Each structure stands twice: as structure tokens, then as C-alpha cells.
């Protein structure tokens, strides 16, 4: 059974969209991204103990959302920005 998506992650994705990030698209896209990010963050320590916390969600978003992840090109910077916003939102809530 899927775990509920943290509203903080959805809010961070929507904020990135409002700030001009082209990745999220509509509200359904925001929820899909939040779901991917939440799953990736929950499994981070088990999968990649030696990878940076921002690079891992970036990679996960690209792998799950792009039809050809190896051809993402300049959009990689947008995915990195989006992952950073998600991580910042989660860190802010944790404080």
C-alpha cells in the first residue's frame, strides 16, 4: 500500500513550478513528482549511502520522468533545482 505523500513535498514542487521550473507542469505532474521524490527519499540510505543527498533525488526524478534519461541534456539543471527545492522544503519542516 503506498504511503501518503507529504504535503511539504507537494508544496515544494508547486513552489518550484511557480518559480519557473518547467518540469512539474500541471497539478497532476506535481503530485507524480512528489510521489517519485518521496519514494526516492525513503529508500535513500538503503540504496546509496555514498551518494550526495541532492544528486540522488535528481537522478531518480530524471529516471522516472524522462522517456530517455540519458538524453536529458540542459533539463538536468532544472531537475537538480527541483530536487534542491524538495530537499529544502523537507529540511525546513524537520526544524
PDB file of N, CA and C in Angstrom:
ATOM      1  N   UNK A   1       0.844  -1.177   0.000  1.00  0.00           N
ATOM      2  CA  UNK A   1       0.000   0.000   0.000  1.00  0.00           C
ATOM      3  C   UNK A   1       0.890   1.242   0.000  1.00  0.00           C
ATOM      4  N   UNK A   2       0.681   2.177  -0.937  1.00  0.00           N
ATOM      5  CA  UNK A   2       1.523   3.367  -0.991  1.00  0.00           C
ATOM      6  C   UNK A   2       1.329   4.247   0.234  1.00  0.00           C
ATOM      7  N   UNK A   3       2.416   4.847   0.682  1.00  0.00           N
ATOM      8  CA  UNK A   3       2.340   5.768   1.808  1.00  0.00           C
ATOM      9  C   UNK A   3       1.833   7.117   1.308  1.00  0.00           C
ATOM     10  N   UNK A   4       1.126   7.864   2.176  1.00  0.00           N
ATOM     11  CA  UNK A   4       0.653   9.177   1.742  1.00  0.00           C
ATOM     12  C   UNK A   4       1.838  10.108   1.453  1.00  0.00           C
ATOM     13  N   UNK A   5       1.646  10.945   0.468  1.00  0.00           N
ATOM     14  CA  UNK A   5       2.702  11.894   0.097  1.00  0.00           C
ATOM     15  C   UNK A   5       2.654  13.066   1.051  1.00  0.00           C
ATOM     16  N   UNK A   6       3.803  13.416   1.550  1.00  0.00           N
ATOM     17  CA  UNK A   6       3.915  14.543   2.470  1.00  0.00           C
ATOM     18  C   UNK A   6       3.514  15.837   1.746  1.00  0.00           C
ATOM     19  N   UNK A   7       2.614  16.603   2.344  1.00  0.00           N
ATOM     20  CA  UNK A   7       2.186  17.874   1.752  1.00  0.00           C
ATOM     21  C   UNK A   7       3.353  18.828   1.552  1.00  0.00           C
ATOM     22  N   UNK A   8       4.397  18.673   2.363  1.00  0.00           N
ATOM     23  CA  UNK A   8       5.570  19.532   2.234  1.00  0.00           C
ATOM     24  C   UNK A   8       6.240  19.317   0.882  1.00  0.00           C
ATOM     25  N   UNK A   9       6.301  18.070   0.442  1.00  0.00           N
ATOM     26  CA  UNK A   9       6.936  17.771  -0.845  1.00  0.00           C
ATOM     27  C   UNK A   9       6.092  18.337  -1.980  1.00  0.00           C
ATOM     28  N   UNK A  10       4.786  18.151  -1.916  1.00  0.00           N
ATOM     29  CA  UNK A  10       3.915  18.699  -2.958  1.00  0.00           C
ATOM     30  C   UNK A  10       4.044  20.220  -3.006  1.00  0.00           C
ATOM     31  N   UNK A  11       4.069  20.870  -1.844  1.00  0.00           N
ATOM     32  CA  UNK A  11       4.211  22.331  -1.788  1.00  0.00           C
ATOM     33  C   UNK A  11       5.537  22.776  -2.394  1.00  0.00           C
ATOM     34  N   UNK A  12       6.601  22.037  -2.127  1.00  0.00           N
ATOM     35  CA  UNK A  12       7.916  22.396  -2.681  1.00  0.00           C
ATOM     36  C   UNK A  12       7.923  22.268  -4.201  1.00  0.00           C
ATOM     37  N   UNK A  13       7.278  21.227  -4.723  1.00  0.00           N
ATOM     38  CA  UNK A  13       7.208  21.040  -6.181  1.00  0.00           C
ATOM     39  C   UNK A  13       6.388  22.175  -6.806  1.00  0.00           C
ATOM     40  N   UNK A  14       5.271  22.516  -6.185  1.00  0.00           N
ATOM     41  CA  UNK A  14       4.438  23.607  -6.716  1.00  0.00           C
ATOM     42  C   UNK A  14       5.166  24.946  -6.643  1.00  0.00           C
ATOM     43  N   UNK A  15       5.954  25.156  -5.589  1.00  0.00           N
ATOM     44  CA  UNK A  15       6.740  26.393  -5.484  1.00  0.00           C
ATOM     45  C   UNK A  15       7.763  26.461  -6.609  1.00  0.00           C
ATOM     46  N   UNK A  16       8.427  25.344  -6.883  1.00  0.00           N
ATOM     47  CA  UNK A  16       9.400  25.319  -7.979  1.00  0.00           C
ATOM     48  C   UNK A  16       8.711  25.636  -9.304  1.00  0.00           C
ATOM     49  N   UNK A  17       7.519  25.099  -9.493  1.00  0.00           N
ATOM     50  CA  UNK A  17       6.761  25.391 -10.724  1.00  0.00           C
ATOM     51  C   UNK A  17       6.442  26.883 -10.807  1.00  0.00           C
ATOM     52  N   UNK A  18       5.991  27.460  -9.696  1.00  0.00           N
ATOM     53  CA  UNK A  18       5.677  28.892  -9.674  1.00  0.00           C
ATOM     54  C   UNK A  18       6.913  29.746  -9.919  1.00  0.00           C
ATOM     55  N   UNK A  19       8.074  29.244  -9.500  1.00  0.00           N
ATOM     56  CA  UNK A  19       9.335  29.973  -9.700  1.00  0.00           C
ATOM     57  C   UNK A  19       9.868  29.827 -11.122  1.00  0.00           C
ATOM     58  N   UNK A  20       9.165  29.051 -11.962  1.00  0.00           N
ATOM     59  CA  UNK A  20       9.550  28.942 -13.362  1.00  0.00           C
ATOM     60  C   UNK A  20      10.173  27.618 -13.775  1.00  0.00           C
ATOM     61  N   UNK A  21      10.251  26.663 -12.881  1.00  0.00           N
ATOM     62  CA  UNK A  21      10.798  25.355 -13.234  1.00  0.00           C
ATOM     63  C   UNK A  21       9.829  24.670 -14.201  1.00  0.00           C
ATOM     64  N   UNK A  22      10.314  24.228 -15.367  1.00  0.00           N
ATOM     65  CA  UNK A  22       9.412  23.648 -16.363  1.00  0.00           C
ATOM     66  C   UNK A  22       9.049  22.182 -16.131  1.00  0.00           C
ATOM     67  N   UNK A  23       9.656  21.535 -15.185  1.00  0.00           N
ATOM     68  CA  UNK A  23       9.467  20.094 -15.007  1.00  0.00           C
ATOM     69  C   UNK A  23       8.069  19.715 -14.509  1.00  0.00           C
ATOM     70  N   UNK A  24       7.536  20.357 -13.462  1.00  0.00           N
ATOM     71  CA  UNK A  24       6.277  19.870 -12.888  1.00  0.00           C
ATOM     72  C   UNK A  24       5.050  19.909 -13.786  1.00  0.00           C
ATOM     73  N   UNK A  25       4.891  20.924 -14.607  1.00  0.00           N
ATOM     74  CA  UNK A  25       3.690  21.011 -15.424  1.00  0.00           C
ATOM     75  C   UNK A  25       2.464  21.315 -14.586  1.00  0.00           C
ATOM     76  N   UNK A  26       1.411  20.510 -14.738  1.00  0.00           N
ATOM     77  CA  UNK A  26       0.157  20.759 -14.030  1.00  0.00           C
ATOM     78  C   UNK A  26       0.162  20.134 -12.628  1.00  0.00           C
ATOM     79  N   UNK A  27      -0.974  20.252 -11.930  1.00  0.00           N
ATOM     80  CA  UNK A  27      -1.067  19.710 -10.568  1.00  0.00           C
ATOM     81  C   UNK A  27      -0.843  18.198 -10.525  1.00  0.00           C
ATOM     82  N   UNK A  28      -1.329  17.487 -11.541  1.00  0.00           N
ATOM     83  CA  UNK A  28      -1.109  16.035 -11.586  1.00  0.00           C
ATOM     84  C   UNK A  28       0.384  15.732 -11.710  1.00  0.00           C
ATOM     85  N   UNK A  29       1.091  16.546 -12.484  1.00  0.00           N
ATOM     86  CA  UNK A  29       2.541  16.379 -12.608  1.00  0.00           C
ATOM     87  C   UNK A  29       3.240  16.641 -11.286  1.00  0.00           C
ATOM     88  N   UNK A  30       2.757  17.633 -10.558  1.00  0.00           N
ATOM     89  CA  UNK A  30       3.337  17.935  -9.244  1.00  0.00           C
ATOM     90  C   UNK A  30       3.167  16.755  -8.299  1.00  0.00           C
ATOM     91  N   UNK A  31       1.995  16.145  -8.300  1.00  0.00           N
ATOM     92  CA  UNK A  31       1.750  15.004  -7.420  1.00  0.00           C
ATOM     93  C   UNK A  31       2.583  13.798  -7.827  1.00  0.00           C
ATOM     94  N   UNK A  32       2.732  13.580  -9.123  1.00  0.00           N
ATOM     95  CA  UNK A  32       3.560  12.463  -9.590  1.00  0.00           C
ATOM     96  C   UNK A  32       5.010  12.664  -9.161  1.00  0.00           C
ATOM     97  N   UNK A  33       5.512  13.875  -9.336  1.00  0.00           N
ATOM     98  CA  UNK A  33       6.885  14.180  -8.936  1.00  0.00           C
ATOM     99  C   UNK A  33       7.047  14.012  -7.433  1.00  0.00           C
ATOM    100  N   UNK A  34       6.078  14.485  -6.670  1.00  0.00           N
ATOM    101  CA  UNK A  34       6.153  14.357  -5.209  1.00  0.00           C
ATOM    102  C   UNK A  34       6.186  12.886  -4.804  1.00  0.00           C
ATOM    103  N   UNK A  35       5.417  12.065  -5.484  1.00  0.00           N
ATOM    104  CA  UNK A  35       5.392  10.637  -5.194  1.00  0.00           C
ATOM    105  C   UNK A  35       6.755  10.001  -5.490  1.00  0.00           C
ATOM    106  N   UNK A  36       7.328  10.320  -6.636  1.00  0.00           N
ATOM    107  CA  UNK A  36       8.655   9.796  -7.000  1.00  0.00           C
ATOM    108  C   UNK A  36       9.695  10.255  -5.979  1.00  0.00           C
ATOM    109  N   UNK A  37       9.672  11.534  -5.643  1.00  0.00           N
ATOM    110  CA  UNK A  37      10.650  12.084  -4.693  1.00  0.00           C
ATOM    111  C   UNK A  37      10.508  11.445  -3.316  1.00  0.00           C
ATOM    112  N   UNK A  38       9.279  11.265  -2.865  1.00  0.00           N
ATOM    113  CA  UNK A  38       9.058  10.666  -1.541  1.00  0.00           C
ATOM    114  C   UNK A  38       9.597   9.237  -1.496  1.00  0.00           C
ATOM    115  N   UNK A  39       9.303   8.450  -2.527  1.00  0.00           N
ATOM    116  CA  UNK A  39       9.820   7.074  -2.580  1.00  0.00           C
ATOM    117  C   UNK A  39      11.343   7.064  -2.597  1.00  0.00           C
ATOM    118  N   UNK A  40      11.910   7.948  -3.382  1.00  0.00           N
ATOM    119  CA  UNK A  40      13.372   8.002  -3.513  1.00  0.00           C
ATOM    120  C   UNK A  40      14.018   8.386  -2.176  1.00  0.00           C
ATOM    121  N   UNK A  41      13.416   9.340  -1.494  1.00  0.00           N
ATOM    122  CA  UNK A  41      13.975   9.798  -0.225  1.00  0.00           C
ATOM    123  C   UNK A  41      13.845   8.731   0.867  1.00  0.00           C
ATOM    124  N   UNK A  42      12.744   7.987   0.857  1.00  0.00           N
ATOM    125  CA  UNK A  42      12.563   6.930   1.859  1.00  0.00           C
ATOM    126  C   UNK A  42      13.592   5.820   1.702  1.00  0.00           C
ATOM    127  N   UNK A  43      14.014   5.558   0.479  1.00  0.00           N
ATOM    128  CA  UNK A  43      14.933   4.436   0.244  1.00  0.00           C
ATOM    129  C   UNK A  43      16.389   4.881   0.076  1.00  0.00           C
ATOM    130  N   UNK A  44      16.661   6.150   0.272  1.00  0.00           N
ATOM    131  CA  UNK A  44      17.997   6.695   0.003  1.00  0.00           C
ATOM    132  C   UNK A  44      19.109   5.990   0.773  1.00  0.00           C
ATOM    133  N   UNK A  45      18.988   5.887   2.073  1.00  0.00           N
ATOM    134  CA  UNK A  45      20.071   5.317   2.890  1.00  0.00           C
ATOM    135  C   UNK A  45      20.348   3.865   2.529  1.00  0.00           C
ATOM    136  N   UNK A  46      19.319   3.144   2.196  1.00  0.00           N
ATOM    137  CA  UNK A  46      19.492   1.731   1.851  1.00  0.00           C
ATOM    138  C   UNK A  46      20.191   1.565   0.494  1.00  0.00           C
ATOM    139  N   UNK A  47      19.863   2.419  -0.460  1.00  0.00           N
ATOM    140  CA  UNK A  47      20.387   2.274  -1.811  1.00  0.00           C
ATOM    141  C   UNK A  47      21.752   2.904  -2.029  1.00  0.00           C
ATOM    142  N   UNK A  48      21.969   4.094  -1.502  1.00  0.00           N
ATOM    143  CA  UNK A  48      23.155   4.879  -1.864  1.00  0.00           C
ATOM    144  C   UNK A  48      23.792   5.593  -0.686  1.00  0.00           C
ATOM    145  N   UNK A  49      24.378   4.896   0.231  1.00  0.00           N
ATOM    146  CA  UNK A  49      24.948   5.595   1.381  1.00  0.00           C
ATOM    147  C   UNK A  49      26.098   6.538   1.035  1.00  0.00           C
ATOM    148  N   UNK A  50      26.681   6.406  -0.147  1.00  0.00           N
ATOM    149  CA  UNK A  50      27.832   7.242  -0.506  1.00  0.00           C
ATOM    150  C   UNK A  50      27.526   8.299  -1.559  1.00  0.00           C
ATOM    151  N   UNK A  51      26.258   8.511  -1.869  1.00  0.00           N
ATOM    152  CA  UNK A  51      25.866   9.480  -2.884  1.00  0.00           C
ATOM    153  C   UNK A  51      25.304  10.720  -2.187  1.00  0.00           C
ATOM    154  N   UNK A  52      25.510  11.894  -2.786  1.00  0.00           N
ATOM    155  CA  UNK A  52      25.009  13.117  -2.162  1.00  0.00           C
ATOM    156  C   UNK A  52      23.486  13.100  -2.095  1.00  0.00           C
ATOM    157  N   UNK A  53      22.960  13.723  -1.075  1.00  0.00           N
ATOM    158  CA  UNK A  53      21.514  13.739  -0.847  1.00  0.00           C
ATOM    159  C   UNK A  53      20.771  14.453  -1.971  1.00  0.00           C
ATOM    160  N   UNK A  54      21.397  15.413  -2.651  1.00  0.00           N
ATOM    161  CA  UNK A  54      20.703  16.114  -3.729  1.00  0.00           C
ATOM    162  C   UNK A  54      20.856  15.381  -5.060  1.00  0.00           C
ATOM    163  N   UNK A  55      21.982  14.785  -5.291  1.00  0.00           N
ATOM    164  CA  UNK A  55      22.191  14.101  -6.565  1.00  0.00           C
ATOM    165  C   UNK A  55      21.267  12.892  -6.708  1.00  0.00           C
ATOM    166  N   UNK A  56      21.010  12.195  -5.618  1.00  0.00           N
ATOM    167  CA  UNK A  56      20.175  11.002  -5.689  1.00  0.00           C
ATOM    168  C   UNK A  56      18.737  11.310  -6.111  1.00  0.00           C
ATOM    169  N   UNK A  57      18.037  12.266  -5.478  1.00  0.00           N
ATOM    170  CA  UNK A  57      16.677  12.569  -5.956  1.00  0.00           C
ATOM    171  C   UNK A  57      16.673  13.120  -7.376  1.00  0.00           C
ATOM    172  N   UNK A  58      17.698  13.873  -7.730  1.00  0.00           N
ATOM    173  CA  UNK A  58      17.787  14.389  -9.098  1.00  0.00           C
ATOM    174  C   UNK A  58      17.818  13.225 -10.072  1.00  0.00           C
ATOM    175  N   UNK A  59      18.672  12.262  -9.810  1.00  0.00           N
ATOM    176  CA  UNK A  59      18.794  11.087 -10.672  1.00  0.00           C
ATOM    177  C   UNK A  59      17.468  10.322 -10.720  1.00  0.00           C
ATOM    178  N   UNK A  60      16.829  10.152  -9.577  1.00  0.00           N
ATOM    179  CA  UNK A  60      15.560   9.438  -9.524  1.00  0.00           C
ATOM    180  C   UNK A  60      14.465  10.121 -10.322  1.00  0.00           C
ATOM    181  N   UNK A  61      14.387  11.433 -10.216  1.00  0.00           N
ATOM    182  CA  UNK A  61      13.378  12.171 -10.973  1.00  0.00           C
ATOM    183  C   UNK A  61      13.614  12.013 -12.473  1.00  0.00           C
ATOM    184  N   UNK A  62      14.857  12.142 -12.887  1.00  0.00           N
ATOM    185  CA  UNK A  62      15.179  12.001 -14.311  1.00  0.00           C
ATOM    186  C   UNK A  62      14.822  10.596 -14.797  1.00  0.00           C
ATOM    187  N   UNK A  63      15.222   9.580 -14.027  1.00  0.00           N
ATOM    188  CA  UNK A  63      14.957   8.196 -14.433  1.00  0.00           C
ATOM    189  C   UNK A  63      13.463   7.896 -14.533  1.00  0.00           C
ATOM    190  N   UNK A  64      12.665   8.468 -13.647  1.00  0.00           N
ATOM    191  CA  UNK A  64      11.235   8.163 -13.620  1.00  0.00           C
ATOM    192  C   UNK A  64      10.394   9.025 -14.565  1.00  0.00           C
ATOM    193  N   UNK A  65      10.877  10.223 -14.887  1.00  0.00           N
ATOM    194  CA  UNK A  65      10.039  11.154 -15.638  1.00  0.00           C
ATOM    195  C   UNK A  65      10.435  11.340 -17.097  1.00  0.00           C
ATOM    196  N   UNK A  66      11.643  11.007 -17.435  1.00  0.00           N
ATOM    197  CA  UNK A  66      12.112  11.203 -18.807  1.00  0.00           C
ATOM    198  C   UNK A  66      12.038   9.906 -19.607  1.00  0.00           C
ATOM    199  N   UNK A  67      11.518   9.970 -20.835  1.00  0.00           N
ATOM    200  CA  UNK A  67      11.458   8.763 -21.651  1.00  0.00           C
ATOM    201  C   UNK A  67      12.850   8.233 -22.027  1.00  0.00           C
ATOM    202  N   UNK A  68      13.803   9.128 -22.179  1.00  0.00           N
ATOM    203  CA  UNK A  68      15.197   8.764 -22.485  1.00  0.00           C
ATOM    204  C   UNK A  68      16.107   9.489 -21.492  1.00  0.00           C
ATOM    205  N   UNK A  69      16.294   8.932 -20.289  1.00  0.00           N
ATOM    206  CA  UNK A  69      17.074   9.626 -19.255  1.00  0.00           C
ATOM    207  C   UNK A  69      18.483  10.035 -19.673  1.00  0.00           C
ATOM    208  N   UNK A  70      19.096   9.291 -20.574  1.00  0.00           N
ATOM    209  CA  UNK A  70      20.461   9.638 -20.993  1.00  0.00           C
ATOM    210  C   UNK A  70      20.491  10.857 -21.908  1.00  0.00           C
ATOM    211  N   UNK A  71      19.333  11.283 -22.399  1.00  0.00           N
ATOM    212  CA  UNK A  71      19.279  12.419 -23.322  1.00  0.00           C
ATOM    213  C   UNK A  71      18.693  13.670 -22.686  1.00  0.00           C
ATOM    214  N   UNK A  72      18.695  13.753 -21.372  1.00  0.00           N
ATOM    215  CA  UNK A  72      18.022  14.857 -20.679  1.00  0.00           C
ATOM    216  C   UNK A  72      18.674  16.213 -20.960  1.00  0.00           C
ATOM    217  N   UNK A  73      19.962  16.258 -21.192  1.00  0.00           N
ATOM    218  CA  UNK A  73      20.659  17.481 -21.567  1.00  0.00           C
ATOM    219  C   UNK A  73      20.508  18.616 -20.570  1.00  0.00           C
ATOM    220  N   UNK A  74      20.220  19.833 -21.077  1.00  0.00           N
ATOM    221  CA  UNK A  74      20.147  21.011 -20.210  1.00  0.00           C
ATOM    222  C   UNK A  74      19.044  20.956 -19.147  1.00  0.00           C
ATOM    223  N   UNK A  75      18.041  20.107 -19.354  1.00  0.00           N
ATOM    224  CA  UNK A  75      16.992  19.986 -18.341  1.00  0.00           C
ATOM    225  C   UNK A  75      17.528  19.409 -17.034  1.00  0.00           C
ATOM    226  N   UNK A  76      18.708  18.816 -17.057  1.00  0.00           N
ATOM    227  CA  UNK A  76      19.289  18.262 -15.831  1.00  0.00           C
ATOM    228  C   UNK A  76      19.411  19.347 -14.765  1.00  0.00           C
ATOM    229  N   UNK A  77      19.730  20.566 -15.166  1.00  0.00           N
ATOM    230  CA  UNK A  77      19.834  21.671 -14.205  1.00  0.00           C
ATOM    231  C   UNK A  77      18.476  21.965 -13.572  1.00  0.00           C
ATOM    232  N   UNK A  78      17.396  21.853 -14.352  1.00  0.00           N
ATOM    233  CA  UNK A  78      16.053  22.062 -13.808  1.00  0.00           C
ATOM    234  C   UNK A  78      15.675  20.946 -12.833  1.00  0.00           C
ATOM    235  N   UNK A  79      16.059  19.723 -13.161  1.00  0.00           N
ATOM    236  CA  UNK A  79      15.805  18.613 -12.236  1.00  0.00           C
ATOM    237  C   UNK A  79      16.601  18.796 -10.941  1.00  0.00           C
ATOM    238  N   UNK A  80      17.824  19.268 -11.062  1.00  0.00           N
ATOM    239  CA  UNK A  80      18.644  19.496  -9.863  1.00  0.00           C
ATOM    240  C   UNK A  80      18.030  20.599  -9.001  1.00  0.00           C
ATOM    241  N   UNK A  81      17.560  21.668  -9.638  1.00  0.00           N
ATOM    242  CA  UNK A  81      16.887  22.742  -8.905  1.00  0.00           C
ATOM    243  C   UNK A  81      15.649  22.198  -8.193  1.00  0.00           C
ATOM    244  N   UNK A  82      14.846  21.412  -8.895  1.00  0.00           N
ATOM    245  CA  UNK A  82      13.633  20.845  -8.325  1.00  0.00           C
ATOM    246  C   UNK A  82      13.952  19.960  -7.124  1.00  0.00           C
ATOM    247  N   UNK A  83      14.955  19.109  -7.255  1.00  0.00           N
ATOM    248  CA  UNK A  83      15.358  18.245  -6.136  1.00  0.00           C
ATOM    249  C   UNK A  83      15.821  19.086  -4.952  1.00  0.00           C
ATOM    250  N   UNK A  84      16.564  20.155  -5.223  1.00  0.00           N
ATOM    251  CA  UNK A  84      17.021  21.038  -4.152  1.00  0.00           C
ATOM    252  C   UNK A  84      15.864  21.696  -3.428  1.00  0.00           C
ATOM    253  N   UNK A  85      14.842  22.117  -4.173  1.00  0.00           N
ATOM    254  CA  UNK A  85      13.660  22.732  -3.556  1.00  0.00           C
ATOM    255  C   UNK A  85      12.918  21.720  -2.683  1.00  0.00           C
ATOM    256  N   UNK A  86      12.821  20.507  -3.159  1.00  0.00           N
ATOM    257  CA  UNK A  86      12.148  19.451  -2.383  1.00  0.00           C
ATOM    258  C   UNK A  86      12.913  19.201  -1.089  1.00  0.00           C
ATOM    259  N   UNK A  87      14.219  19.035  -1.202  1.00  0.00           N
ATOM    260  CA  UNK A  87      15.037  18.775  -0.012  1.00  0.00           C
ATOM    261  C   UNK A  87      15.000  19.946   0.961  1.00  0.00           C
ATOM    262  N   UNK A  88      14.999  21.171   0.437  1.00  0.00           N
ATOM    263  CA  UNK A  88      14.932  22.352   1.307  1.00  0.00           C
ATOM    264  C   UNK A  88      13.588  22.408   2.033  1.00  0.00           C
ATOM    265  N   UNK A  89      12.516  22.087   1.328  1.00  0.00           N
ATOM    266  CA  UNK A  89      11.195  22.093   1.952  1.00  0.00           C
ATOM    267  C   UNK A  89      11.079  21.063   3.060  1.00  0.00           C
ATOM    268  N   UNK A  90      11.619  19.865   2.810  1.00  0.00           N
ATOM    269  CA  UNK A  90      11.589  18.814   3.813  1.00  0.00           C
ATOM    270  C   UNK A  90      12.464  19.178   5.015  1.00  0.00           C
ATOM    271  N   UNK A  91      13.636  19.743   4.745  1.00  0.00           N
ATOM    272  CA  UNK A  91      14.538  20.150   5.842  1.00  0.00           C
ATOM    273  C   UNK A  91      13.916  21.253   6.681  1.00  0.00           C
ATOM    274  N   UNK A  92      13.237  22.190   6.038  1.00  0.00           N
ATOM    275  CA  UNK A  92      12.590  23.296   6.751  1.00  0.00           C
ATOM    276  C   UNK A  92      11.496  22.765   7.678  1.00  0.00           C
ATOM    277  N   UNK A  93      10.748  21.771   7.198  1.00  0.00           N
ATOM    278  CA  UNK A  93       9.677  21.197   8.009  1.00  0.00           C
ATOM    279  C   UNK A  93      10.264  20.444   9.200  1.00  0.00           C
ATOM    280  N   UNK A  94      11.416  19.800   9.008  1.00  0.00           N
ATOM    281  CA  UNK A  94      12.032  18.999  10.068  1.00  0.00           C
ATOM    282  C   UNK A  94      12.558  19.848  11.222  1.00  0.00           C
ATOM    283  N   UNK A  95      12.798  21.124  10.975  1.00  0.00           N
ATOM    284  CA  UNK A  95      13.358  22.001  12.021  1.00  0.00           C
ATOM    285  C   UNK A  95      12.378  22.318  13.088  1.00  0.00           C
TER     286      UNK A  95
END
